[in-house]
Amino acid sequence: MRIAQEMDGFEEVINPLGGGGSGFPWLAILRPDRSIVIDSKDPEEGNIGSPITEWEIDHWNVMMRASVTRITEEEIAHMAKTLAEDRKGD
């Protein structure tokens, strides 16, 4: 589900999930019961937003490992490489 800042009721959805005040975009991967598996807030650095820096991409990889059951390390590495290339403008 995508929830935009401009939508009515935005705060009622995002604040209970812990995303309020995190910056945007903020991502959360939820279980069917709406509990959070992981979100885009790195415990030490903050919200990764759209990951482009090394630490943001590292946290993106953590998010993928924590939440995607059918993904290989090669696929995660490919996504990380693509994100890093986007940063460089390649």
PDB file of N, CA and C in Angstrom:
ATOM      1  N   MET A   1       0.838  -1.150   0.000  1.00  0.00           N
ATOM      2  CA  MET A   1       0.000   0.000   0.000  1.00  0.00           C
ATOM      3  C   MET A   1       0.896   1.229   0.000  1.00  0.00           C
ATOM      4  N   ARG A   2       0.530   2.197  -0.791  1.00  0.00           N
ATOM      5  CA  ARG A   2       1.270   3.460  -0.834  1.00  0.00           C
ATOM      6  C   ARG A   2       0.411   4.531  -0.181  1.00  0.00           C
ATOM      7  N   ILE A   3       1.009   5.258   0.732  1.00  0.00           N
ATOM      8  CA  ILE A   3       0.318   6.350   1.408  1.00  0.00           C
ATOM      9  C   ILE A   3       1.145   7.603   1.202  1.00  0.00           C
ATOM     10  N   ALA A   4       0.537   8.612   0.624  1.00  0.00           N
ATOM     11  CA  ALA A   4       1.248   9.862   0.350  1.00  0.00           C
ATOM     12  C   ALA A   4       0.942  10.882   1.430  1.00  0.00           C
ATOM     13  N   GLN A   5       1.909  11.752   1.666  1.00  0.00           N
ATOM     14  CA  GLN A   5       1.781  12.819   2.657  1.00  0.00           C
ATOM     15  C   GLN A   5       0.541  13.670   2.438  1.00  0.00           C
ATOM     16  N   GLU A   6       0.160  13.834   1.189  1.00  0.00           N
ATOM     17  CA  GLU A   6      -0.956  14.714   0.850  1.00  0.00           C
ATOM     18  C   GLU A   6      -2.317  14.088   1.121  1.00  0.00           C
ATOM     19  N   MET A   7      -2.354  12.812   1.428  1.00  0.00           N
ATOM     20  CA  MET A   7      -3.622  12.107   1.603  1.00  0.00           C
ATOM     21  C   MET A   7      -4.254  12.433   2.952  1.00  0.00           C
ATOM     22  N   ASP A   8      -5.586  12.538   2.936  1.00  0.00           N
ATOM     23  CA  ASP A   8      -6.315  12.707   4.190  1.00  0.00           C
ATOM     24  C   ASP A   8      -6.062  11.489   5.076  1.00  0.00           C
ATOM     25  N   GLY A   9      -5.839  11.719   6.350  1.00  0.00           N
ATOM     26  CA  GLY A   9      -5.621  10.634   7.293  1.00  0.00           C
ATOM     27  C   GLY A   9      -4.208  10.081   7.299  1.00  0.00           C
ATOM     28  N   PHE A  10      -3.311  10.758   6.622  1.00  0.00           N
ATOM     29  CA  PHE A  10      -1.921  10.305   6.531  1.00  0.00           C
ATOM     30  C   PHE A  10      -1.323  10.045   7.911  1.00  0.00           C
ATOM     31  N   GLU A  11      -1.457  11.026   8.818  1.00  0.00           N
ATOM     32  CA  GLU A  11      -0.851  10.886  10.148  1.00  0.00           C
ATOM     33  C   GLU A  11      -1.446   9.728  10.934  1.00  0.00           C
ATOM     34  N   GLU A  12      -2.744   9.480  10.759  1.00  0.00           N
ATOM     35  CA  GLU A  12      -3.397   8.402  11.496  1.00  0.00           C
ATOM     36  C   GLU A  12      -2.845   7.036  11.111  1.00  0.00           C
ATOM     37  N   VAL A  13      -2.317   6.936   9.909  1.00  0.00           N
ATOM     38  CA  VAL A  13      -1.748   5.668   9.459  1.00  0.00           C
ATOM     39  C   VAL A  13      -0.265   5.580   9.802  1.00  0.00           C
ATOM     40  N   ILE A  14       0.480   6.609   9.481  1.00  0.00           N
ATOM     41  CA  ILE A  14       1.943   6.524   9.587  1.00  0.00           C
ATOM     42  C   ILE A  14       2.463   6.678  11.022  1.00  0.00           C
ATOM     43  N   ASN A  15       1.827   7.512  11.821  1.00  0.00           N
ATOM     44  CA  ASN A  15       2.333   7.734  13.182  1.00  0.00           C
ATOM     45  C   ASN A  15       2.320   6.474  14.046  1.00  0.00           C
ATOM     46  N   PRO A  16       1.234   5.686  14.063  1.00  0.00           N
ATOM     47  CA  PRO A  16       1.268   4.464  14.874  1.00  0.00           C
ATOM     48  C   PRO A  16       2.328   3.455  14.418  1.00  0.00           C
ATOM     49  N   LEU A  17       2.730   3.541  13.164  1.00  0.00           N
ATOM     50  CA  LEU A  17       3.765   2.642  12.653  1.00  0.00           C
ATOM     51  C   LEU A  17       5.171   3.128  12.978  1.00  0.00           C
ATOM     52  N   GLY A  18       5.280   4.339  13.512  1.00  0.00           N
ATOM     53  CA  GLY A  18       6.583   4.874  13.882  1.00  0.00           C
ATOM     54  C   GLY A  18       7.248   5.704  12.807  1.00  0.00           C
ATOM     55  N   GLY A  19       6.523   6.033  11.747  1.00  0.00           N
ATOM     56  CA  GLY A  19       7.125   6.773  10.651  1.00  0.00           C
ATOM     57  C   GLY A  19       7.007   8.271  10.739  1.00  0.00           C
ATOM     58  N   GLY A  20       6.231   8.770  11.681  1.00  0.00           N
ATOM     59  CA  GLY A  20       6.065  10.209  11.807  1.00  0.00           C
ATOM     60  C   GLY A  20       7.385  10.897  12.108  1.00  0.00           C
ATOM     61  N   GLY A  21       7.656  11.977  11.396  1.00  0.00           N
ATOM     62  CA  GLY A  21       8.871  12.742  11.627  1.00  0.00           C
ATOM     63  C   GLY A  21      10.144  12.102  11.099  1.00  0.00           C
ATOM     64  N   SER A  22      10.008  11.058  10.292  1.00  0.00           N
ATOM     65  CA  SER A  22      11.186  10.343   9.795  1.00  0.00           C
ATOM     66  C   SER A  22      11.733  10.886   8.490  1.00  0.00           C
ATOM     67  N   GLY A  23      10.996  11.749   7.833  1.00  0.00           N
ATOM     68  CA  GLY A  23      11.375  12.182   6.500  1.00  0.00           C
ATOM     69  C   GLY A  23      10.738  11.272   5.463  1.00  0.00           C
ATOM     70  N   PHE A  24      10.840  11.664   4.215  1.00  0.00           N
ATOM     71  CA  PHE A  24      10.148  10.918   3.168  1.00  0.00           C
ATOM     72  C   PHE A  24      11.060  10.680   1.985  1.00  0.00           C
ATOM     73  N   PRO A  25      10.934   9.554   1.309  1.00  0.00           N
ATOM     74  CA  PRO A  25       9.970   8.519   1.620  1.00  0.00           C
ATOM     75  C   PRO A  25      10.399   7.712   2.847  1.00  0.00           C
ATOM     76  N   TRP A  26       9.426   7.238   3.549  1.00  0.00           N
ATOM     77  CA  TRP A  26       9.633   6.329   4.673  1.00  0.00           C
ATOM     78  C   TRP A  26       8.934   5.039   4.289  1.00  0.00           C
ATOM     79  N   LEU A  27       9.575   3.914   4.506  1.00  0.00           N
ATOM     80  CA  LEU A  27       9.046   2.617   4.110  1.00  0.00           C
ATOM     81  C   LEU A  27       8.918   1.707   5.316  1.00  0.00           C
ATOM     82  N   ALA A  28       7.866   0.919   5.318  1.00  0.00           N
ATOM     83  CA  ALA A  28       7.717  -0.126   6.331  1.00  0.00           C
ATOM     84  C   ALA A  28       7.206  -1.373   5.631  1.00  0.00           C
ATOM     85  N   ILE A  29       7.795  -2.498   5.957  1.00  0.00           N
ATOM     86  CA  ILE A  29       7.333  -3.774   5.433  1.00  0.00           C
ATOM     87  C   ILE A  29       6.556  -4.437   6.554  1.00  0.00           C
ATOM     88  N   LEU A  30       5.286  -4.737   6.271  1.00  0.00           N
ATOM     89  CA  LEU A  30       4.365  -5.212   7.296  1.00  0.00           C
ATOM     90  C   LEU A  30       4.027  -6.682   7.124  1.00  0.00           C
ATOM     91  N   ARG A  31       3.705  -7.315   8.248  1.00  0.00           N
ATOM     92  CA  ARG A  31       3.138  -8.657   8.252  1.00  0.00           C
ATOM     93  C   ARG A  31       1.634  -8.520   7.991  1.00  0.00           C
ATOM     94  N   PRO A  32       0.952  -9.631   7.709  1.00  0.00           N
ATOM     95  CA  PRO A  32      -0.499  -9.549   7.494  1.00  0.00           C
ATOM     96  C   PRO A  32      -1.266  -8.933   8.670  1.00  0.00           C
ATOM     97  N   ASP A  33      -0.737  -9.067   9.885  1.00  0.00           N
ATOM     98  CA  ASP A  33      -1.419  -8.482  11.048  1.00  0.00           C
ATOM     99  C   ASP A  33      -1.068  -7.004  11.252  1.00  0.00           C
ATOM    100  N   ARG A  34      -0.361  -6.422  10.303  1.00  0.00           N
ATOM    101  CA  ARG A  34       0.060  -5.018  10.284  1.00  0.00           C
ATOM    102  C   ARG A  34       1.193  -4.693  11.256  1.00  0.00           C
ATOM    103  N   SER A  35       1.806  -5.701  11.835  1.00  0.00           N
ATOM    104  CA  SER A  35       2.999  -5.435  12.642  1.00  0.00           C
ATOM    105  C   SER A  35       4.185  -5.265  11.688  1.00  0.00           C
ATOM    106  N   ILE A  36       5.168  -4.512  12.128  1.00  0.00           N
ATOM    107  CA  ILE A  36       6.291  -4.176  11.259  1.00  0.00           C
ATOM    108  C   ILE A  36       7.359  -5.264  11.291  1.00  0.00           C
ATOM    109  N   VAL A  37       7.750  -5.721  10.118  1.00  0.00           N
ATOM    110  CA  VAL A  37       8.896  -6.616   9.985  1.00  0.00           C
ATOM    111  C   VAL A  37      10.162  -5.778  10.119  1.00  0.00           C
ATOM    112  N   ILE A  38      10.228  -4.705   9.336  1.00  0.00           N
ATOM    113  CA  ILE A  38      11.365  -3.790   9.334  1.00  0.00           C
ATOM    114  C   ILE A  38      10.927  -2.506   8.644  1.00  0.00           C
ATOM    115  N   ASP A  39      11.585  -1.415   9.002  1.00  0.00           N
ATOM    116  CA  ASP A  39      11.290  -0.167   8.301  1.00  0.00           C
ATOM    117  C   ASP A  39      12.579   0.469   7.808  1.00  0.00           C
ATOM    118  N   SER A  40      12.428   1.619   7.184  1.00  0.00           N
ATOM    119  CA  SER A  40      13.575   2.257   6.529  1.00  0.00           C
ATOM    120  C   SER A  40      14.406   3.131   7.458  1.00  0.00           C
ATOM    121  N   LYS A  41      14.170   3.025   8.758  1.00  0.00           N
ATOM    122  CA  LYS A  41      14.990   3.786   9.710  1.00  0.00           C
ATOM    123  C   LYS A  41      16.155   2.932  10.192  1.00  0.00           C
ATOM    124  N   ASP A  42      17.347   3.298   9.756  1.00  0.00           N
ATOM    125  CA  ASP A  42      18.553   2.655  10.268  1.00  0.00           C
ATOM    126  C   ASP A  42      18.701   3.087  11.725  1.00  0.00           C
ATOM    127  N   PRO A  43      18.961   2.150  12.647  1.00  0.00           N
ATOM    128  CA  PRO A  43      19.028   2.508  14.064  1.00  0.00           C
ATOM    129  C   PRO A  43      20.076   3.569  14.403  1.00  0.00           C
ATOM    130  N   GLU A  44      21.140   3.632  13.639  1.00  0.00           N
ATOM    131  CA  GLU A  44      22.208   4.589  13.946  1.00  0.00           C
ATOM    132  C   GLU A  44      22.185   5.834  13.071  1.00  0.00           C
ATOM    133  N   GLU A  45      21.771   5.698  11.823  1.00  0.00           N
ATOM    134  CA  GLU A  45      21.884   6.800  10.871  1.00  0.00           C
ATOM    135  C   GLU A  45      20.576   7.533  10.606  1.00  0.00           C
ATOM    136  N   GLY A  46      19.443   6.869  10.770  1.00  0.00           N
ATOM    137  CA  GLY A  46      18.158   7.495  10.465  1.00  0.00           C
ATOM    138  C   GLY A  46      17.517   6.894   9.230  1.00  0.00           C
ATOM    139  N   ASN A  47      16.517   7.586   8.705  1.00  0.00           N
ATOM    140  CA  ASN A  47      15.733   7.107   7.573  1.00  0.00           C
ATOM    141  C   ASN A  47      16.571   7.071   6.297  1.00  0.00           C
ATOM    142  N   ILE A  48      16.466   5.969   5.548  1.00  0.00           N
ATOM    143  CA  ILE A  48      17.232   5.855   4.313  1.00  0.00           C
ATOM    144  C   ILE A  48      16.577   6.578   3.147  1.00  0.00           C
ATOM    145  N   GLY A  49      15.289   6.909   3.264  1.00  0.00           N
ATOM    146  CA  GLY A  49      14.614   7.580   2.153  1.00  0.00           C
ATOM    147  C   GLY A  49      14.723   6.754   0.885  1.00  0.00           C
ATOM    148  N   SER A  50      15.105   7.384  -0.206  1.00  0.00           N
ATOM    149  CA  SER A  50      15.426   6.663  -1.445  1.00  0.00           C
ATOM    150  C   SER A  50      16.920   6.371  -1.386  1.00  0.00           C
ATOM    151  N   PRO A  51      17.298   5.119  -1.145  1.00  0.00           N
ATOM    152  CA  PRO A  51      18.691   4.813  -0.831  1.00  0.00           C
ATOM    153  C   PRO A  51      19.668   5.114  -1.965  1.00  0.00           C
ATOM    154  N   ILE A  52      20.660   5.971  -1.652  1.00  0.00           N
ATOM    155  CA  ILE A  52      21.715   6.257  -2.623  1.00  0.00           C
ATOM    156  C   ILE A  52      23.107   6.208  -1.999  1.00  0.00           C
ATOM    157  N   THR A  53      23.206   6.535  -0.705  1.00  0.00           N
ATOM    158  CA  THR A  53      24.524   6.494  -0.070  1.00  0.00           C
ATOM    159  C   THR A  53      24.843   5.053   0.332  1.00  0.00           C
ATOM    160  N   GLU A  54      26.094   4.806   0.651  1.00  0.00           N
ATOM    161  CA  GLU A  54      26.500   3.449   1.007  1.00  0.00           C
ATOM    162  C   GLU A  54      25.728   2.924   2.212  1.00  0.00           C
ATOM    163  N   TRP A  55      25.597   3.740   3.275  1.00  0.00           N
ATOM    164  CA  TRP A  55      24.889   3.256   4.462  1.00  0.00           C
ATOM    165  C   TRP A  55      23.404   3.060   4.171  1.00  0.00           C
ATOM    166  N   GLU A  56      22.818   3.883   3.309  1.00  0.00           N
ATOM    167  CA  GLU A  56      21.405   3.708   2.959  1.00  0.00           C
ATOM    168  C   GLU A  56      21.201   2.406   2.189  1.00  0.00           C
ATOM    169  N   ILE A  57      22.082   2.137   1.253  1.00  0.00           N
ATOM    170  CA  ILE A  57      21.994   0.892   0.483  1.00  0.00           C
ATOM    171  C   ILE A  57      22.239  -0.310   1.392  1.00  0.00           C
ATOM    172  N   ASP A  58      23.160  -0.189   2.331  1.00  0.00           N
ATOM    173  CA  ASP A  58      23.393  -1.275   3.293  1.00  0.00           C
ATOM    174  C   ASP A  58      22.120  -1.587   4.074  1.00  0.00           C
ATOM    175  N   HIS A  59      21.406  -0.533   4.520  1.00  0.00           N
ATOM    176  CA  HIS A  59      20.167  -0.780   5.269  1.00  0.00           C
ATOM    177  C   HIS A  59      19.088  -1.356   4.355  1.00  0.00           C
ATOM    178  N   TRP A  60      19.038  -0.912   3.106  1.00  0.00           N
ATOM    179  CA  TRP A  60      18.099  -1.494   2.137  1.00  0.00           C
ATOM    180  C   TRP A  60      18.339  -3.007   2.045  1.00  0.00           C
ATOM    181  N   ASN A  61      19.612  -3.407   1.983  1.00  0.00           N
ATOM    182  CA  ASN A  61      19.948  -4.830   1.929  1.00  0.00           C
ATOM    183  C   ASN A  61      19.467  -5.558   3.181  1.00  0.00           C
ATOM    184  N   VAL A  62      19.629  -4.941   4.341  1.00  0.00           N
ATOM    185  CA  VAL A  62      19.128  -5.518   5.592  1.00  0.00           C
ATOM    186  C   VAL A  62      17.612  -5.698   5.505  1.00  0.00           C
ATOM    187  N   MET A  63      16.926  -4.689   4.964  1.00  0.00           N
ATOM    188  CA  MET A  63      15.469  -4.767   4.813  1.00  0.00           C
ATOM    189  C   MET A  63      15.076  -5.942   3.920  1.00  0.00           C
ATOM    190  N   MET A  64      15.791  -6.121   2.828  1.00  0.00           N
ATOM    191  CA  MET A  64      15.479  -7.225   1.912  1.00  0.00           C
ATOM    192  C   MET A  64      15.703  -8.572   2.587  1.00  0.00           C
ATOM    193  N   ARG A  65      16.817  -8.706   3.285  1.00  0.00           N
ATOM    194  CA  ARG A  65      17.105  -9.982   3.961  1.00  0.00           C
ATOM    195  C   ARG A  65      16.081 -10.288   5.051  1.00  0.00           C
ATOM    196  N   ALA A  66      15.592  -9.262   5.719  1.00  0.00           N
ATOM    197  CA  ALA A  66      14.653  -9.457   6.828  1.00  0.00           C
ATOM    198  C   ALA A  66      13.242  -9.774   6.361  1.00  0.00           C
ATOM    199  N   SER A  67      12.904  -9.398   5.145  1.00  0.00           N
ATOM    200  CA  SER A  67      11.495  -9.450   4.774  1.00  0.00           C
ATOM    201  C   SER A  67      11.161 -10.276   3.544  1.00  0.00           C
ATOM    202  N   VAL A  68      12.113 -10.552   2.702  1.00  0.00           N
ATOM    203  CA  VAL A  68      11.825 -11.273   1.463  1.00  0.00           C
ATOM    204  C   VAL A  68      12.302 -12.708   1.620  1.00  0.00           C
ATOM    205  N   THR A  69      11.373 -13.644   1.518  1.00  0.00           N
ATOM    206  CA  THR A  69      11.731 -15.042   1.765  1.00  0.00           C
ATOM    207  C   THR A  69      12.356 -15.724   0.555  1.00  0.00           C
ATOM    208  N   ARG A  70      12.067 -15.231  -0.620  1.00  0.00           N
ATOM    209  CA  ARG A  70      12.593 -15.874  -1.830  1.00  0.00           C
ATOM    210  C   ARG A  70      13.484 -14.911  -2.599  1.00  0.00           C
ATOM    211  N   ILE A  71      14.609 -14.605  -2.019  1.00  0.00           N
ATOM    212  CA  ILE A  71      15.569 -13.725  -2.672  1.00  0.00           C
ATOM    213  C   ILE A  71      16.962 -14.280  -2.418  1.00  0.00           C
ATOM    214  N   THR A  72      17.778 -14.198  -3.427  1.00  0.00           N
ATOM    215  CA  THR A  72      19.144 -14.704  -3.284  1.00  0.00           C
ATOM    216  C   THR A  72      20.089 -13.549  -2.967  1.00  0.00           C
ATOM    217  N   GLU A  73      21.245 -13.899  -2.467  1.00  0.00           N
ATOM    218  CA  GLU A  73      22.270 -12.881  -2.221  1.00  0.00           C
ATOM    219  C   GLU A  73      22.680 -12.211  -3.530  1.00  0.00           C
ATOM    220  N   GLU A  74      22.652 -12.971  -4.619  1.00  0.00           N
ATOM    221  CA  GLU A  74      22.983 -12.395  -5.925  1.00  0.00           C
ATOM    222  C   GLU A  74      21.960 -11.332  -6.323  1.00  0.00           C
ATOM    223  N   GLU A  75      20.692 -11.583  -6.053  1.00  0.00           N
ATOM    224  CA  GLU A  75      19.652 -10.596  -6.372  1.00  0.00           C
ATOM    225  C   GLU A  75      19.793  -9.346  -5.507  1.00  0.00           C
ATOM    226  N   ILE A  76      20.101  -9.544  -4.238  1.00  0.00           N
ATOM    227  CA  ILE A  76      20.322  -8.392  -3.354  1.00  0.00           C
ATOM    228  C   ILE A  76      21.523  -7.592  -3.844  1.00  0.00           C
ATOM    229  N   ALA A  77      22.595  -8.279  -4.213  1.00  0.00           N
ATOM    230  CA  ALA A  77      23.790  -7.596  -4.717  1.00  0.00           C
ATOM    231  C   ALA A  77      23.480  -6.826  -5.999  1.00  0.00           C
ATOM    232  N   HIS A  78      22.645  -7.400  -6.856  1.00  0.00           N
ATOM    233  CA  HIS A  78      22.270  -6.716  -8.097  1.00  0.00           C
ATOM    234  C   HIS A  78      21.489  -5.436  -7.792  1.00  0.00           C
ATOM    235  N   MET A  79      20.545  -5.509  -6.855  1.00  0.00           N
ATOM    236  CA  MET A  79      19.795  -4.301  -6.478  1.00  0.00           C
ATOM    237  C   MET A  79      20.727  -3.248  -5.901  1.00  0.00           C
ATOM    238  N   ALA A  80      21.638  -3.665  -5.028  1.00  0.00           N
ATOM    239  CA  ALA A  80      22.578  -2.717  -4.422  1.00  0.00           C
ATOM    240  C   ALA A  80      23.448  -2.064  -5.490  1.00  0.00           C
ATOM    241  N   LYS A  81      23.897  -2.852  -6.448  1.00  0.00           N
ATOM    242  CA  LYS A  81      24.720  -2.311  -7.534  1.00  0.00           C
ATOM    243  C   LYS A  81      23.920  -1.300  -8.352  1.00  0.00           C
ATOM    244  N   THR A  82      22.675  -1.618  -8.648  1.00  0.00           N
ATOM    245  CA  THR A  82      21.823  -0.706  -9.416  1.00  0.00           C
ATOM    246  C   THR A  82      21.598   0.596  -8.660  1.00  0.00           C
ATOM    247  N   LEU A  83      21.340   0.509  -7.361  1.00  0.00           N
ATOM    248  CA  LEU A  83      21.161   1.724  -6.560  1.00  0.00           C
ATOM    249  C   LEU A  83      22.433   2.564  -6.552  1.00  0.00           C
ATOM    250  N   ALA A  84      23.578   1.915  -6.407  1.00  0.00           N
ATOM    251  CA  ALA A  84      24.854   2.643  -6.403  1.00  0.00           C
ATOM    252  C   ALA A  84      25.118   3.293  -7.757  1.00  0.00           C
ATOM    253  N   GLU A  85      24.768   2.609  -8.837  1.00  0.00           N
ATOM    254  CA  GLU A  85      24.944   3.183 -10.175  1.00  0.00           C
ATOM    255  C   GLU A  85      24.038   4.389 -10.376  1.00  0.00           C
ATOM    256  N   ASP A  86      22.819   4.322  -9.847  1.00  0.00           N
ATOM    257  CA  ASP A  86      21.907   5.467  -9.933  1.00  0.00           C
ATOM    258  C   ASP A  86      22.514   6.682  -9.253  1.00  0.00           C
ATOM    259  N   ARG A  87      23.186   6.446  -8.135  1.00  0.00           N
ATOM    260  CA  ARG A  87      23.831   7.531  -7.406  1.00  0.00           C
ATOM    261  C   ARG A  87      24.908   8.190  -8.255  1.00  0.00           C
ATOM    262  N   LYS A  88      25.650   7.372  -8.966  1.00  0.00           N
ATOM    263  CA  LYS A  88      26.761   7.880  -9.772  1.00  0.00           C
ATOM    264  C   LYS A  88      26.298   8.437 -11.112  1.00  0.00           C
ATOM    265  N   GLY A  89      25.048   8.155 -11.480  1.00  0.00           N
ATOM    266  CA  GLY A  89      24.549   8.616 -12.764  1.00  0.00           C
ATOM    267  C   GLY A  89      24.983   7.743 -13.921  1.00  0.00           C
ATOM    268  N   ASP A  90      25.374   6.495 -13.624  1.00  0.00           N
ATOM    269  CA  ASP A  90      25.799   5.570 -14.689  1.00  0.00           C
ATOM    270  C   ASP A  90      24.602   5.017 -15.426  1.00  0.00           C
TER     271      ASP A  90
END
